[in-house]
Amino acid sequence: MTSNQLAASATAADAALVGELLGRYLLALDDEKLDDAWARSLFTEDAVVTFPMSRHAGRAGLAGWHRASLAAFTRTQHLGSPPVVTVDGDRAAFRANVLTTHVHHPGTDRPPLFRAGTLASGEARRTPAGWRLNALSFEVLFTEGEPPRRT
């Protein structure tokens, strides 16, 4: 293999690892325990996550913030497209489409489902522990149903 081929192979491997971070994040929202170990496995210490209605800066408290956001629903499902990842040394940018279905708690005056189509984008950084998400944001492209009421 030439040096150019080796570099391209390493870049492709890094892009796959960054894409896997987003996939692991989306899957965890639906069926895993969101705790500090979860946050450490995915995010840098100074990560910023921005939802359409709220934002959290820093890894400290990030799991609790996610749990509080998800508590508005009885279940969720997050489906992500394969991300497009651009690696530049120890940093990477990514974008992916995400379709989410949120199931409202029974007994509310809301329709049972709230769906949203979003564009997820962000940045990842190579750390001593491997690639970690440094910035993650979601831009709503469409919704169906009613979101939960703000409390």
Protein backbone atom coordinates (compact mmCIF):
# COMPACT_ATOMS: atom_id res chain seq x y z
CA MET A 1 0.00 0.00 0.00
CA THR A 2 1.19 3.50 -0.78
CA SER A 3 1.32 6.22 1.87
CA ASN A 4 -1.69 7.91 0.23
CA GLN A 5 -3.66 4.67 0.42
CA LEU A 6 -2.69 4.19 4.06
CA ALA A 7 -3.76 7.74 4.89
CA ALA A 8 -7.08 7.29 3.08
CA SER A 9 -7.66 4.02 4.92
CA ALA A 10 -6.95 5.64 8.29
CA THR A 11 -9.28 8.54 7.47
CA ALA A 12 -12.04 6.12 6.47
CA ALA A 13 -11.55 4.18 9.71
CA ASP A 14 -11.75 7.40 11.74
CA ALA A 15 -14.92 8.44 9.87
CA ALA A 16 -16.49 5.06 10.68
CA LEU A 17 -15.65 5.46 14.38
CA VAL A 18 -17.20 8.94 14.47
CA GLY A 19 -20.30 7.67 12.69
CA GLU A 20 -20.56 4.84 15.20
CA LEU A 21 -20.59 7.39 18.04
CA LEU A 22 -23.73 8.99 16.61
CA GLY A 23 -25.35 5.59 16.12
CA ARG A 24 -24.54 4.54 19.69
CA TYR A 25 -25.93 7.83 20.97
CA LEU A 26 -29.25 7.42 19.14
CA LEU A 27 -29.68 3.78 20.22
CA ALA A 28 -28.88 4.59 23.83
CA LEU A 29 -31.63 7.22 23.96
CA ASP A 30 -34.18 4.47 23.41
CA ASP A 31 -33.02 1.58 25.54
CA GLU A 32 -29.98 2.14 27.70
CA LYS A 33 -29.21 3.51 31.12
CA LEU A 34 -28.11 7.10 30.65
CA ASP A 35 -25.54 7.68 33.38
CA ASP A 36 -22.12 9.27 33.79
CA ALA A 37 -20.38 6.21 32.29
CA TRP A 38 -22.60 6.55 29.22
CA ALA A 39 -21.71 10.24 28.92
CA ARG A 40 -17.97 9.52 29.27
CA SER A 41 -18.16 6.87 26.54
CA LEU A 42 -19.61 9.33 24.03
CA PHE A 43 -18.77 12.94 24.92
CA THR A 44 -15.79 15.19 25.61
CA GLU A 45 -15.70 16.97 28.95
CA ASP A 46 -16.62 20.29 27.29
CA ALA A 47 -19.30 18.91 24.96
CA VAL A 48 -22.34 20.99 24.02
CA VAL A 49 -25.64 19.35 23.06
CA THR A 50 -28.43 21.47 21.61
CA PHE A 51 -32.01 20.26 21.26
CA PRO A 52 -34.64 22.47 19.60
CA MET A 53 -35.99 23.55 22.99
CA SER A 54 -32.95 23.37 25.27
CA ARG A 55 -29.17 23.22 25.47
CA HIS A 56 -26.60 21.68 27.82
CA ALA A 57 -22.91 22.56 28.05
CA GLY A 58 -20.36 20.22 29.62
CA ARG A 59 -20.34 16.49 30.23
CA ALA A 60 -21.19 16.98 33.91
CA GLY A 61 -24.95 16.61 34.27
CA LEU A 62 -25.40 15.61 30.64
CA ALA A 63 -26.92 12.20 31.43
CA GLY A 64 -29.44 13.71 33.84
CA TRP A 65 -30.35 16.37 31.31
CA HIS A 66 -31.06 13.67 28.72
CA ARG A 67 -33.09 11.61 31.22
CA ALA A 68 -35.19 14.67 32.09
CA SER A 69 -35.85 15.38 28.38
CA LEU A 70 -36.88 11.78 27.71
CA ALA A 71 -39.10 11.62 30.82
CA ALA A 72 -41.75 13.57 28.88
CA PHE A 73 -42.43 10.36 26.94
CA THR A 74 -43.21 6.75 27.78
CA ARG A 75 -41.02 5.49 24.88
CA THR A 76 -38.96 6.86 22.02
CA GLN A 77 -37.39 5.58 18.84
CA HIS A 78 -34.55 7.43 17.08
CA LEU A 79 -33.71 6.30 13.55
CA GLY A 80 -30.59 7.80 11.99
CA SER A 81 -29.31 7.77 8.44
CA PRO A 82 -25.69 6.86 7.83
CA PRO A 83 -23.79 10.01 8.77
CA VAL A 84 -21.61 11.92 6.37
CA VAL A 85 -18.32 12.46 8.21
CA THR A 86 -15.42 14.71 7.23
CA VAL A 87 -12.21 14.02 9.14
CA ASP A 88 -9.52 16.67 9.49
CA GLY A 89 -6.70 15.33 11.66
CA ASP A 90 -7.96 14.97 15.22
CA ARG A 91 -11.30 16.64 14.49
CA ALA A 92 -14.29 15.53 12.49
CA ALA A 93 -17.58 17.10 11.40
CA PHE A 94 -20.70 15.06 10.71
CA ARG A 95 -24.29 15.36 9.51
CA ALA A 96 -27.13 12.86 9.43
CA ASN A 97 -30.89 12.76 9.15
CA VAL A 98 -32.79 11.54 12.20
CA LEU A 99 -36.43 10.50 12.42
CA THR A 100 -37.81 10.33 15.94
CA THR A 101 -41.04 8.93 17.27
CA HIS A 102 -42.03 9.89 20.80
CA VAL A 103 -44.87 8.08 22.58
CA HIS A 104 -46.80 10.33 24.97
CA HIS A 105 -47.70 9.01 28.41
CA PRO A 106 -51.17 7.44 28.47
CA GLY A 107 -54.01 9.57 29.78
CA THR A 108 -52.80 12.88 28.37
CA ASP A 109 -54.89 15.04 26.08
CA ARG A 110 -52.26 14.65 23.36
CA PRO A 111 -52.38 12.36 20.33
CA PRO A 112 -50.39 9.21 21.20
CA LEU A 113 -47.39 10.00 18.97
CA PHE A 114 -45.20 12.99 18.34
CA ARG A 115 -42.79 12.62 15.40
CA ALA A 116 -40.00 14.84 14.21
CA GLY A 117 -37.62 14.82 11.29
CA THR A 118 -34.33 16.46 12.19
CA LEU A 119 -30.93 17.19 10.80
CA ALA A 120 -28.28 16.16 13.32
CA SER A 121 -24.92 17.84 12.98
CA GLY A 122 -21.88 18.18 15.11
CA GLU A 123 -18.22 17.72 15.70
CA ALA A 124 -16.09 15.00 17.27
CA ARG A 125 -12.57 15.16 18.65
CA ARG A 126 -9.94 12.46 19.02
CA THR A 127 -9.08 12.11 22.72
CA PRO A 128 -6.76 9.75 24.61
CA ALA A 129 -9.86 7.56 25.15
CA GLY A 130 -10.74 7.60 21.42
CA TRP A 131 -13.17 9.69 19.40
CA ARG A 132 -15.78 11.58 21.41
CA LEU A 133 -18.62 13.93 20.46
CA ASN A 134 -17.74 17.55 21.20
CA ALA A 135 -20.81 19.26 19.73
CA LEU A 136 -24.18 17.83 18.75
CA SER A 137 -27.25 19.73 17.62
CA PHE A 138 -30.61 18.93 16.08
CA GLU A 139 -32.45 21.17 13.61
CA VAL A 140 -36.14 20.33 13.24
CA LEU A 141 -37.19 19.94 9.61
CA PHE A 142 -40.79 18.80 10.24
CA THR A 143 -43.08 17.58 13.00
CA GLU A 144 -46.26 15.56 13.21
CA GLY A 145 -48.49 15.47 16.29
CA GLU A 146 -48.03 17.59 19.37
CA PRO A 147 -44.86 18.01 21.42
CA PRO A 148 -45.08 17.73 25.20
CA ARG A 149 -46.03 20.85 27.11
CA ARG A 150 -43.20 22.77 28.69
CA THR A 151 -43.24 22.50 32.44
